[in-house]
Amino acid sequence: MKEASPPVSAMATPTNGSGNLVDEFEEAFQHCLNVLTKEEAVPNSDKDEMKVEVEQTTLRFIDLARQMEAFFLQKRFLLSALKPEMVVKEDINEFRLELARKDELLKRHYDKIAVWQNLLADLQGYAKSPAQG
């Protein structure tokens, strides 16, 4: 028989015994894939039931994604409150990486400018030489 999907009100409650949000998120993702990739022929009467199941599994997946996002935001906030120097160090590292990336971008632009300047000088030299000859 078909397994009954949990009601929408129960979406935020842990389903596995461990209560590990990442595991639940992975399970919800797998369940979404399983529901969407069923290869059985579905009669017309079961299409509505399948649609409801897809909606419920998708809602569960989205709910768990939001819970994970909230969890990580809480941890980030806690870290910034307890160890603000770590956040500053992380920001400094990000700025250094961004500066290095932009320096490389500037170098590539200067290289392109040099190539175009040489090409332009060659074209100007070519345009002058036939006129002199």
Foldseek 3Di string as FASTA:
>chain_A
DDDDFDDPVCLLPDDDPVPDLVVQLVVLVVQLVCLVPDPDDDDPVCPVVSVVSNVRSVSSNVSSVVVVVVVVVVVVVVCCVVPVVVVVVVVVVVVVVVVVVVVVVVVVVVVVVVVVVVVVVVVVVVVVVVVVD
